Amino acid sequence: AVAQDFWGESEFTVRLVSALAGIATTMLVAVWAWLWT
């Protein structure tokens, strides 16, 4: 709802939170791999 308040209702904003979560998860996995090895 916050995303759509800023950028309006669309297929993009319906999926925006999931896409940002994907980027954040990928970055975390990469950093975790570096910290481990």
Full PDB file with SEQRES, HELIX, SHEET, SSBOND, CRYST1, ORIGX, SCALE, CONECT and MASTER records, all heavy atoms in Angstrom:
SEQRES   1 A   37  ALA VAL ALA GLN ASP PHE TRP GLY GLU SER GLU PHE THR          
SEQRES   2 A   37  VAL ARG LEU VAL SER ALA LEU ALA GLY ILE ALA THR THR          
SEQRES   3 A   37  MET LEU VAL ALA VAL TRP ALA TRP LEU TRP THR                  
HELIX    1 AA1 VAL A    2  TRP A    7  1                                   6    
HELIX    2 AA2 GLU A   11  TRP A   36  1                                  26    
CRYST1    1.000    1.000    1.000  90.00  90.00  90.00 P 1           1          
ORIGX1      1.000000  0.000000  0.000000        0.00000                         
ORIGX2      0.000000  1.000000  0.000000        0.00000                         
ORIGX3      0.000000  0.000000  1.000000        0.00000                         
SCALE1      1.000000  0.000000  0.000000        0.00000                         
SCALE2      0.000000  1.000000  0.000000        0.00000                         
SCALE3      0.000000  0.000000  1.000000        0.00000                         
ATOM      1  N   ALA A   1       0.828  -1.209   0.000  1.00  0.00           N  
ATOM      2  CA  ALA A   1       0.000   0.000   0.000  1.00  0.00           C  
ATOM      3  C   ALA A   1       0.863   1.260   0.000  1.00  0.00           C  
ATOM      4  O   ALA A   1       0.543   2.237  -0.691  1.00  0.00           O  
ATOM      5  CB  ALA A   1      -0.923  -0.005   1.217  1.00  0.00           C  
ATOM      6  N   VAL A   2       1.959   1.241   0.758  1.00  0.00           N  
ATOM      7  CA  VAL A   2       2.871   2.385   0.767  1.00  0.00           C  
ATOM      8  C   VAL A   2       3.463   2.601  -0.623  1.00  0.00           C  
ATOM      9  O   VAL A   2       3.536   3.737  -1.119  1.00  0.00           O  
ATOM     10  CB  VAL A   2       3.990   2.171   1.812  1.00  0.00           C  
ATOM     11  CG1 VAL A   2       5.068   3.242   1.661  1.00  0.00           C  
ATOM     12  CG2 VAL A   2       3.415   2.211   3.225  1.00  0.00           C  
ATOM     13  N   ALA A   3       3.894   1.517  -1.272  1.00  0.00           N  
ATOM     14  CA  ALA A   3       4.462   1.623  -2.628  1.00  0.00           C  
ATOM     15  C   ALA A   3       3.439   2.210  -3.592  1.00  0.00           C  
ATOM     16  O   ALA A   3       3.764   3.067  -4.427  1.00  0.00           O  
ATOM     17  CB  ALA A   3       4.927   0.250  -3.100  1.00  0.00           C  
ATOM     18  N   GLN A   4       2.191   1.795  -3.468  1.00  0.00           N  
ATOM     19  CA  GLN A   4       1.172   2.280  -4.388  1.00  0.00           C  
ATOM     20  C   GLN A   4       0.749   3.712  -4.068  1.00  0.00           C  
ATOM     21  O   GLN A   4       0.319   4.439  -4.965  1.00  0.00           O  
ATOM     22  CB  GLN A   4      -0.037   1.338  -4.367  1.00  0.00           C  
ATOM     23  CG  GLN A   4       0.280  -0.025  -4.955  1.00  0.00           C  
ATOM     24  CD  GLN A   4      -0.901  -0.965  -4.977  1.00  0.00           C  
ATOM     25  OE1 GLN A   4      -2.002  -0.618  -4.571  1.00  0.00           O  
ATOM     26  NE2 GLN A   4      -0.676  -2.188  -5.449  1.00  0.00           N  
ATOM     27  N   ASP A   5       0.891   4.118  -2.831  1.00  0.00           N  
ATOM     28  CA  ASP A   5       0.640   5.529  -2.502  1.00  0.00           C  
ATOM     29  C   ASP A   5       1.644   6.439  -3.204  1.00  0.00           C  
ATOM     30  O   ASP A   5       1.321   7.573  -3.561  1.00  0.00           O  
ATOM     31  CB  ASP A   5       0.706   5.736  -0.984  1.00  0.00           C  
ATOM     32  CG  ASP A   5      -0.554   5.255  -0.274  1.00  0.00           C  
ATOM     33  OD1 ASP A   5      -1.585   5.082  -0.964  1.00  0.00           O  
ATOM     34  OD2 ASP A   5      -0.502   5.043   0.954  1.00  0.00           O  
ATOM     35  N   PHE A   6       2.860   5.936  -3.391  1.00  0.00           N  
ATOM     36  CA  PHE A   6       3.898   6.730  -4.046  1.00  0.00           C  
ATOM     37  C   PHE A   6       3.827   6.638  -5.570  1.00  0.00           C  
ATOM     38  O   PHE A   6       3.966   7.646  -6.262  1.00  0.00           O  
ATOM     39  CB  PHE A   6       5.291   6.276  -3.579  1.00  0.00           C  
ATOM     40  CG  PHE A   6       5.713   6.874  -2.267  1.00  0.00           C  
ATOM     41  CD1 PHE A   6       5.532   6.180  -1.075  1.00  0.00           C  
ATOM     42  CD2 PHE A   6       6.279   8.136  -2.211  1.00  0.00           C  
ATOM     43  CE1 PHE A   6       5.914   6.731   0.138  1.00  0.00           C  
ATOM     44  CE2 PHE A   6       6.669   8.703  -1.003  1.00  0.00           C  
ATOM     45  CZ  PHE A   6       6.482   7.994   0.174  1.00  0.00           C  
ATOM     46  N   TRP A   7       3.638   5.425  -6.100  1.00  0.00           N  
ATOM     47  CA  TRP A   7       3.771   5.216  -7.543  1.00  0.00           C  
ATOM     48  C   TRP A   7       2.496   4.737  -8.225  1.00  0.00           C  
ATOM     49  O   TRP A   7       2.515   4.397  -9.398  1.00  0.00           O  
ATOM     50  CB  TRP A   7       4.907   4.223  -7.809  1.00  0.00           C  
ATOM     51  CG  TRP A   7       6.229   4.763  -7.371  1.00  0.00           C  
ATOM     52  CD1 TRP A   7       6.927   5.801  -7.921  1.00  0.00           C  
ATOM     53  CD2 TRP A   7       7.031   4.310  -6.268  1.00  0.00           C  
ATOM     54  NE1 TRP A   7       8.098   6.016  -7.238  1.00  0.00           N  
ATOM     55  CE2 TRP A   7       8.193   5.115  -6.211  1.00  0.00           C  
ATOM     56  CE3 TRP A   7       6.891   3.292  -5.311  1.00  0.00           C  
ATOM     57  CZ2 TRP A   7       9.186   4.940  -5.264  1.00  0.00           C  
ATOM     58  CZ3 TRP A   7       7.864   3.124  -4.362  1.00  0.00           C  
ATOM     59  CH2 TRP A   7       9.001   3.943  -4.335  1.00  0.00           C  
ATOM     60  N   GLY A   8       1.398   4.694  -7.505  1.00  0.00           N  
ATOM     61  CA  GLY A   8       0.139   4.316  -8.119  1.00  0.00           C  
ATOM     62  C   GLY A   8      -0.059   2.814  -8.189  1.00  0.00           C  
ATOM     63  O   GLY A   8       0.870   2.024  -7.984  1.00  0.00           O  
ATOM     64  N   GLU A   9      -1.282   2.431  -8.495  1.00  0.00           N  
ATOM     65  CA  GLU A   9      -1.626   1.010  -8.567  1.00  0.00           C  
ATOM     66  C   GLU A   9      -1.331   0.470  -9.967  1.00  0.00           C  
ATOM     67  O   GLU A   9      -1.834   0.987 -10.965  1.00  0.00           O  
ATOM     68  CB  GLU A   9      -3.101   0.816  -8.238  1.00  0.00           C  
ATOM     69  CG  GLU A   9      -3.524  -0.642  -8.185  1.00  0.00           C  
ATOM     70  CD  GLU A   9      -5.000  -0.791  -7.896  1.00  0.00           C  
ATOM     71  OE1 GLU A   9      -5.823  -0.478  -8.784  1.00  0.00           O  
ATOM     72  OE2 GLU A   9      -5.346  -1.209  -6.773  1.00  0.00           O  
ATOM     73  N   SER A  10      -0.536  -0.576 -10.042  1.00  0.00           N  
ATOM     74  CA  SER A  10      -0.193  -1.206 -11.313  1.00  0.00           C  
ATOM     75  C   SER A  10       0.356  -2.595 -11.030  1.00  0.00           C  
ATOM     76  O   SER A  10       0.622  -2.954  -9.872  1.00  0.00           O  
ATOM     77  CB  SER A  10       0.849  -0.382 -12.070  1.00  0.00           C  
ATOM     78  OG  SER A  10       2.085  -0.377 -11.364  1.00  0.00           O  
ATOM     79  N   GLU A  11       0.530  -3.375 -12.092  1.00  0.00           N  
ATOM     80  CA  GLU A  11       1.143  -4.690 -11.927  1.00  0.00           C  
ATOM     81  C   GLU A  11       2.550  -4.554 -11.343  1.00  0.00           C  
ATOM     82  O   GLU A  11       2.988  -5.388 -10.548  1.00  0.00           O  
ATOM     83  CB  GLU A  11       1.208  -5.421 -13.274  1.00  0.00           C  
ATOM     84  CG  GLU A  11      -0.107  -5.976 -13.770  1.00  0.00           C  
ATOM     85  CD  GLU A  11      -0.954  -4.922 -14.480  1.00  0.00           C  
ATOM     86  OE1 GLU A  11      -0.563  -3.726 -14.489  1.00  0.00           O  
ATOM     87  OE2 GLU A  11      -2.004  -5.295 -15.043  1.00  0.00           O  
ATOM     88  N   PHE A  12       3.239  -3.486 -11.733  1.00  0.00           N  
ATOM     89  CA  PHE A  12       4.602  -3.270 -11.236  1.00  0.00           C  
ATOM     90  C   PHE A  12       4.611  -3.051  -9.725  1.00  0.00           C  
ATOM     91  O   PHE A  12       5.398  -3.672  -9.004  1.00  0.00           O  
ATOM     92  CB  PHE A  12       5.234  -2.074 -11.945  1.00  0.00           C  
ATOM     93  CG  PHE A  12       6.628  -1.748 -11.480  1.00  0.00           C  
ATOM     94  CD1 PHE A  12       7.722  -2.439 -11.982  1.00  0.00           C  
ATOM     95  CD2 PHE A  12       6.852  -0.758 -10.528  1.00  0.00           C  
ATOM     96  CE1 PHE A  12       9.016  -2.149 -11.552  1.00  0.00           C  
ATOM     97  CE2 PHE A  12       8.130  -0.465 -10.087  1.00  0.00           C  
ATOM     98  CZ  PHE A  12       9.218  -1.162 -10.596  1.00  0.00           C  
ATOM     99  N   THR A  13       3.747  -2.172  -9.226  1.00  0.00           N  
ATOM    100  CA  THR A  13       3.758  -1.876  -7.794  1.00  0.00           C  
ATOM    101  C   THR A  13       3.170  -3.021  -6.969  1.00  0.00           C  
ATOM    102  O   THR A  13       3.499  -3.156  -5.790  1.00  0.00           O  
ATOM    103  CB  THR A  13       2.993  -0.577  -7.492  1.00  0.00           C  
ATOM    104  OG1 THR A  13       1.682  -0.643  -8.065  1.00  0.00           O  
ATOM    105  CG2 THR A  13       3.730   0.629  -8.050  1.00  0.00           C  
ATOM    106  N   VAL A  14       2.308  -3.836  -7.579  1.00  0.00           N  
ATOM    107  CA  VAL A  14       1.822  -5.026  -6.879  1.00  0.00           C  
ATOM    108  C   VAL A  14       2.982  -5.969  -6.574  1.00  0.00           C  
ATOM    109  O   VAL A  14       3.012  -6.632  -5.532  1.00  0.00           O  
ATOM    110  CB  VAL A  14       0.742  -5.739  -7.730  1.00  0.00           C  
ATOM    111  CG1 VAL A  14       0.499  -7.162  -7.226  1.00  0.00           C  
ATOM    112  CG2 VAL A  14      -0.556  -4.950  -7.704  1.00  0.00           C  
ATOM    113  N   ARG A  15       3.977  -5.998  -7.465  1.00  0.00           N  
ATOM    114  CA  ARG A  15       5.102  -6.932  -7.337  1.00  0.00           C  
ATOM    115  C   ARG A  15       6.382  -6.282  -6.814  1.00  0.00           C  
ATOM    116  O   ARG A  15       7.391  -6.967  -6.611  1.00  0.00           O  
ATOM    117  CB  ARG A  15       5.391  -7.557  -8.704  1.00  0.00           C  
ATOM    118  CG  ARG A  15       4.210  -8.346  -9.252  1.00  0.00           C  
ATOM    119  CD  ARG A  15       4.299  -8.585 -10.727  1.00  0.00           C  
ATOM    120  NE  ARG A  15       3.116  -9.309 -11.220  1.00  0.00           N  
ATOM    121  CZ  ARG A  15       2.680  -9.272 -12.475  1.00  0.00           C  
ATOM    122  NH1 ARG A  15       3.327  -8.534 -13.373  1.00  0.00           N  
ATOM    123  NH2 ARG A  15       1.611  -9.946 -12.828  1.00  0.00           N  
ATOM    124  N   LEU A  16       6.347  -4.982  -6.590  1.00  0.00           N  
ATOM    125  CA  LEU A  16       7.572  -4.252  -6.242  1.00  0.00           C  
ATOM    126  C   LEU A  16       8.189  -4.739  -4.941  1.00  0.00           C  
ATOM    127  O   LEU A  16       9.407  -4.914  -4.851  1.00  0.00           O  
ATOM    128  CB  LEU A  16       7.267  -2.753  -6.147  1.00  0.00           C  
ATOM    129  CG  LEU A  16       8.438  -1.847  -5.745  1.00  0.00           C  
ATOM    130  CD1 LEU A  16       9.582  -1.973  -6.746  1.00  0.00           C  
ATOM    131  CD2 LEU A  16       7.972  -0.395  -5.628  1.00  0.00           C  
ATOM    132  N   VAL A  17       7.385  -4.970  -3.918  1.00  0.00           N  
ATOM    133  CA  VAL A  17       7.916  -5.404  -2.622  1.00  0.00           C  
ATOM    134  C   VAL A  17       8.653  -6.735  -2.772  1.00  0.00           C  
ATOM    135  O   VAL A  17       9.741  -6.931  -2.221  1.00  0.00           O  
ATOM    136  CB  VAL A  17       6.783  -5.524  -1.579  1.00  0.00           C  
ATOM    137  CG1 VAL A  17       7.307  -6.159  -0.288  1.00  0.00           C  
ATOM    138  CG2 VAL A  17       6.183  -4.161  -1.282  1.00  0.00           C  
ATOM    139  N   SER A  18       8.082  -7.645  -3.552  1.00  0.00           N  
ATOM    140  CA  SER A  18       8.725  -8.942  -3.768  1.00  0.00           C  
ATOM    141  C   SER A  18      10.048  -8.782  -4.505  1.00  0.00           C  
ATOM    142  O   SER A  18      11.049  -9.440  -4.165  1.00  0.00           O  
ATOM    143  CB  SER A  18       7.795  -9.857  -4.568  1.00  0.00           C  
ATOM    144  OG  SER A  18       6.628 -10.167  -3.822  1.00  0.00           O  
ATOM    145  N   ALA A  19      10.088  -7.916  -5.521  1.00  0.00           N  
ATOM    146  CA  ALA A  19      11.322  -7.706  -6.285  1.00  0.00           C  
ATOM    147  C   ALA A  19      12.418  -7.112  -5.408  1.00  0.00           C  
ATOM    148  O   ALA A  19      13.578  -7.545  -5.464  1.00  0.00           O  
ATOM    149  CB  ALA A  19      11.045  -6.791  -7.472  1.00  0.00           C  
ATOM    150  N   LEU A  20      12.072  -6.133  -4.590  1.00  0.00           N  
ATOM    151  CA  LEU A  20      13.061  -5.539  -3.683  1.00  0.00           C  
ATOM    152  C   LEU A  20      13.547  -6.563  -2.666  1.00  0.00           C  
ATOM    153  O   LEU A  20      14.736  -6.587  -2.312  1.00  0.00           O  
ATOM    154  CB  LEU A  20      12.446  -4.329  -2.974  1.00  0.00           C  
ATOM    155  CG  LEU A  20      12.157  -3.114  -3.857  1.00  0.00           C  
ATOM    156  CD1 LEU A  20      11.418  -2.039  -3.057  1.00  0.00           C  
ATOM    157  CD2 LEU A  20      13.438  -2.542  -4.449  1.00  0.00           C  
ATOM    158  N   ALA A  21      12.640  -7.413  -2.196  1.00  0.00           N  
ATOM    159  CA  ALA A  21      13.041  -8.484  -1.274  1.00  0.00           C  
ATOM    160  C   ALA A  21      14.011  -9.442  -1.953  1.00  0.00           C  
ATOM    161  O   ALA A  21      14.956  -9.939  -1.332  1.00  0.00           O  
ATOM    162  CB  ALA A  21      11.810  -9.241  -0.782  1.00  0.00           C  
ATOM    163  N   GLY A  22      13.798  -9.694  -3.259  1.00  0.00           N  
ATOM    164  CA  GLY A  22      14.707 -10.566  -3.994  1.00  0.00           C  
ATOM    165  C   GLY A  22      16.105  -9.984  -4.100  1.00  0.00           C  
ATOM    166  O   GLY A  22      17.106 -10.697  -3.933  1.00  0.00           O  
ATOM    167  N   ILE A  23      16.177  -8.689  -4.376  1.00  0.00           N  
ATOM    168  CA  ILE A  23      17.486  -8.034  -4.459  1.00  0.00           C  
ATOM    169  C   ILE A  23      18.183  -8.070  -3.101  1.00  0.00           C  
ATOM    170  O   ILE A  23      19.370  -8.387  -2.994  1.00  0.00           O  
ATOM    171  CB  ILE A  23      17.322  -6.586  -4.946  1.00  0.00           C  
ATOM    172  CG1 ILE A  23      16.831  -6.579  -6.398  1.00  0.00           C  
ATOM    173  CG2 ILE A  23      18.637  -5.811  -4.839  1.00  0.00           C  
ATOM    174  CD1 ILE A  23      16.451  -5.208  -6.907  1.00  0.00           C  
ATOM    175  N   ALA A  24      17.439  -7.747  -2.044  1.00  0.00           N  
ATOM    176  CA  ALA A  24      18.015  -7.737  -0.696  1.00  0.00           C  
ATOM    177  C   ALA A  24      18.494  -9.136  -0.298  1.00  0.00           C  
ATOM    178  O   ALA A  24      19.569  -9.293   0.306  1.00  0.00           O  
ATOM    179  CB  ALA A  24      16.990  -7.218   0.306  1.00  0.00           C  
ATOM    180  N   THR A  25      17.715 -10.153  -0.634  1.00  0.00           N  
ATOM    181  CA  THR A  25      18.104 -11.527  -0.297  1.00  0.00           C  
ATOM    182  C   THR A  25      19.360 -11.933  -1.049  1.00  0.00           C  
ATOM    183  O   THR A  25      20.269 -12.556  -0.479  1.00  0.00           O  
ATOM    184  CB  THR A  25      16.964 -12.508  -0.627  1.00  0.00           C  
ATOM    185  OG1 THR A  25      15.759 -12.079   0.006  1.00  0.00           O  
ATOM    186  CG2 THR A  25      17.302 -13.904  -0.135  1.00  0.00           C  
ATOM    187  N   THR A  26      19.433 -11.589  -2.324  1.00  0.00           N  
ATOM    188  CA  THR A  26      20.611 -11.917  -3.128  1.00  0.00           C  
ATOM    189  C   THR A  26      21.864 -11.260  -2.558  1.00  0.00           C  
ATOM    190  O   THR A  26      22.923 -11.898  -2.441  1.00  0.00           O  
ATOM    191  CB  THR A  26      20.408 -11.467  -4.581  1.00  0.00           C  
ATOM    192  OG1 THR A  26      19.240 -12.102  -5.123  1.00  0.00           O  
ATOM    193  CG2 THR A  26      21.610 -11.822  -5.440  1.00  0.00           C  
ATOM    194  N   MET A  27      21.754  -9.982  -2.203  1.00  0.00           N  
ATOM    195  CA  MET A  27      22.904  -9.274  -1.632  1.00  0.00           C  
ATOM    196  C   MET A  27      23.331  -9.907  -0.312  1.00  0.00           C  
ATOM    197  O   MET A  27      24.529 -10.071  -0.041  1.00  0.00           O  
ATOM    198  CB  MET A  27      22.537  -7.803  -1.421  1.00  0.00           C  
ATOM    199  CG  MET A  27      22.134  -7.060  -2.681  1.00  0.00           C  
ATOM    200  SD  MET A  27      23.501  -6.793  -3.822  1.00  0.00           S  
ATOM    201  CE  MET A  27      24.338  -5.441  -2.995  1.00  0.00           C  
ATOM    202  N   LEU A  28      22.350 -10.287   0.502  1.00  0.00           N  
ATOM    203  CA  LEU A  28      22.661 -10.904   1.784  1.00  0.00           C  
ATOM    204  C   LEU A  28      23.343 -12.254   1.592  1.00  0.00           C  
ATOM    205  O   LEU A  28      24.322 -12.571   2.279  1.00  0.00           O  
ATOM    206  CB  LEU A  28      21.379 -11.068   2.610  1.00  0.00           C  
ATOM    207  CG  LEU A  28      21.524 -11.740   3.971  1.00  0.00           C  
ATOM    208  CD1 LEU A  28      22.519 -10.986   4.858  1.00  0.00           C  
ATOM    209  CD2 LEU A  28      20.164 -11.833   4.660  1.00  0.00           C  
ATOM    210  N   VAL A  29      22.850 -13.056   0.654  1.00  0.00           N  
ATOM    211  CA  VAL A  29      23.467 -14.354   0.368  1.00  0.00           C  
ATOM    212  C   VAL A  29      24.918 -14.169  -0.080  1.00  0.00           C  
ATOM    213  O   VAL A  29      25.809 -14.913   0.342  1.00  0.00           O  
ATOM    214  CB  VAL A  29      22.645 -15.103  -0.700  1.00  0.00           C  
ATOM    215  CG1 VAL A  29      23.422 -16.296  -1.244  1.00  0.00           C  
ATOM    216  CG2 VAL A  29      21.319 -15.569  -0.111  1.00  0.00           C  
ATOM    217  N   ALA A  30      25.162 -13.177  -0.930  1.00  0.00           N  
ATOM    218  CA  ALA A  30      26.516 -12.925  -1.419  1.00  0.00           C  
ATOM    219  C   ALA A  30      27.446 -12.510  -0.277  1.00  0.00           C  
ATOM    220  O   ALA A  30      28.575 -13.019  -0.155  1.00  0.00           O  
ATOM    221  CB  ALA A  30      26.491 -11.857  -2.499  1.00  0.00           C  
ATOM    222  N   VAL A  31      26.999 -11.580   0.545  1.00  0.00           N  
ATOM    223  CA  VAL A  31      27.819 -11.123   1.676  1.00  0.00           C  
ATOM    224  C   VAL A  31      28.056 -12.255   2.667  1.00  0.00           C  
ATOM    225  O   VAL A  31      29.170 -12.420   3.203  1.00  0.00           O  
ATOM    226  CB  VAL A  31      27.148  -9.917   2.366  1.00  0.00           C  
ATOM    227  CG1 VAL A  31      27.867  -9.571   3.663  1.00  0.00           C  
ATOM    228  CG2 VAL A  31      27.129  -8.710   1.436  1.00  0.00           C  
ATOM    229  N   TRP A  32      27.033 -13.052   2.907  1.00  0.00           N  
ATOM    230  CA  TRP A  32      27.162 -14.193   3.812  1.00  0.00           C  
ATOM    231  C   TRP A  32      28.207 -15.171   3.277  1.00  0.00           C  
ATOM    232  O   TRP A  32      29.057 -15.669   4.033  1.00  0.00           O  
ATOM    233  CB  TRP A  32      25.814 -14.882   3.958  1.00  0.00           C  
ATOM    234  CG  TRP A  32      25.718 -15.854   5.097  1.00  0.00           C  
ATOM    235  CD1 TRP A  32      26.750 -16.377   5.825  1.00  0.00           C  
ATOM    236  CD2 TRP A  32      24.520 -16.414   5.639  1.00  0.00           C  
ATOM    237  NE1 TRP A  32      26.267 -17.235   6.789  1.00  0.00           N  
ATOM    238  CE2 TRP A  32      24.908 -17.281   6.696  1.00  0.00           C  
ATOM    239  CE3 TRP A  32      23.173 -16.289   5.326  1.00  0.00           C  
ATOM    240  CZ2 TRP A  32      23.977 -18.002   7.434  1.00  0.00           C  
ATOM    241  CZ3 TRP A  32      22.250 -17.009   6.066  1.00  0.00           C  
ATOM    242  CH2 TRP A  32      22.642 -17.851   7.110  1.00  0.00           C  
ATOM    243  N   ALA A  33      28.174 -15.437   1.984  1.00  0.00           N  
ATOM    244  CA  ALA A  33      29.156 -16.337   1.378  1.00  0.00           C  
ATOM    245  C   ALA A  33      30.575 -15.801   1.562  1.00  0.00           C  
ATOM    246  O   ALA A  33      31.514 -16.570   1.826  1.00  0.00           O  
ATOM    247  CB  ALA A  33      28.842 -16.518  -0.108  1.00  0.00           C  
ATOM    248  N   TRP A  34      30.724 -14.481   1.438  1.00  0.00           N  
ATOM    249  CA  TRP A  34      32.057 -13.892   1.620  1.00  0.00           C  
ATOM    250  C   TRP A  34      32.509 -13.972   3.078  1.00  0.00           C  
ATOM    251  O   TRP A  34      33.669 -14.315   3.362  1.00  0.00           O  
ATOM    252  CB  TRP A  34      32.054 -12.436   1.159  1.00  0.00           C  
ATOM    253  CG  TRP A  34      33.403 -11.798   1.279  1.00  0.00           C  
ATOM    254  CD1 TRP A  34      34.448 -11.920   0.421  1.00  0.00           C  
ATOM    255  CD2 TRP A  34      33.856 -10.956   2.352  1.00  0.00           C  
ATOM    256  NE1 TRP A  34      35.532 -11.201   0.886  1.00  0.00           N  
ATOM    257  CE2 TRP A  34      35.201 -10.603   2.065  1.00  0.00           C  
ATOM    258  CE3 TRP A  34      33.259 -10.472   3.504  1.00  0.00           C  
ATOM    259  CZ2 TRP A  34      35.937  -9.786   2.910  1.00  0.00           C  
ATOM    260  CZ3 TRP A  34      33.994  -9.662   4.352  1.00  0.00           C  
ATOM    261  CH2 TRP A  34      35.325  -9.331   4.041  1.00  0.00           C  
ATOM    262  N   LEU A  35      31.615 -13.662   4.006  1.00  0.00           N  
ATOM    263  CA  LEU A  35      31.973 -13.722   5.421  1.00  0.00           C  
ATOM    264  C   LEU A  35      32.346 -15.136   5.845  1.00  0.00           C  
ATOM    265  O   LEU A  35      33.194 -15.330   6.711  1.00  0.00           O  
ATOM    266  CB  LEU A  35      30.811 -13.210   6.273  1.00  0.00           C  
ATOM    267  CG  LEU A  35      30.546 -11.701   6.231  1.00  0.00           C  
ATOM    268  CD1 LEU A  35      29.257 -11.364   6.969  1.00  0.00           C  
ATOM    269  CD2 LEU A  35      31.708 -10.933   6.834  1.00  0.00           C  
ATOM    270  N   TRP A  36      31.701 -16.107   5.240  1.00  0.00           N  
ATOM    271  CA  TRP A  36      31.953 -17.496   5.599  1.00  0.00           C  
ATOM    272  C   TRP A  36      33.285 -17.993   5.029  1.00  0.00           C  
ATOM    273  O   TRP A  36      34.033 -18.710   5.685  1.00  0.00           O  
ATOM    274  CB  TRP A  36      30.815 -18.367   5.086  1.00  0.00           C  
ATOM    275  CG  TRP A  36      30.709 -19.708   5.760  1.00  0.00           C  
ATOM    276  CD1 TRP A  36      31.718 -20.400   6.358  1.00  0.00           C  
ATOM    277  CD2 TRP A  36      29.534 -20.502   5.900  1.00  0.00           C  
ATOM    278  NE1 TRP A  36      31.251 -21.593   6.857  1.00  0.00           N  
ATOM    279  CE2 TRP A  36      29.905 -21.677   6.595  1.00  0.00           C  
ATOM    280  CE3 TRP A  36      28.221 -20.353   5.498  1.00  0.00           C  
ATOM    281  CZ2 TRP A  36      28.992 -22.683   6.895  1.00  0.00           C  
ATOM    282  CZ3 TRP A  36      27.317 -21.353   5.803  1.00  0.00           C  
ATOM    283  CH2 TRP A  36      27.695 -22.503   6.495  1.00  0.00           C  
ATOM    284  N   THR A  37      33.585 -17.590   3.777  1.00  0.00           N  
ATOM    285  CA  THR A  37      34.755 -18.152   3.101  1.00  0.00           C  
ATOM    286  C   THR A  37      35.895 -17.160   2.892  1.00  0.00           C  
ATOM    287  O   THR A  37      37.038 -17.570   2.671  1.00  0.00           O  
ATOM    288  CB  THR A  37      34.348 -18.685   1.720  1.00  0.00           C  
ATOM    289  OG1 THR A  37      33.936 -17.593   0.887  1.00  0.00           O  
ATOM    290  CG2 THR A  37      33.212 -19.681   1.841  1.00  0.00           C  
TER     291      THR A  37                                                      
MASTER        0    0    0    2    0    0    0    6  290    1    0    3          
END                                                                             
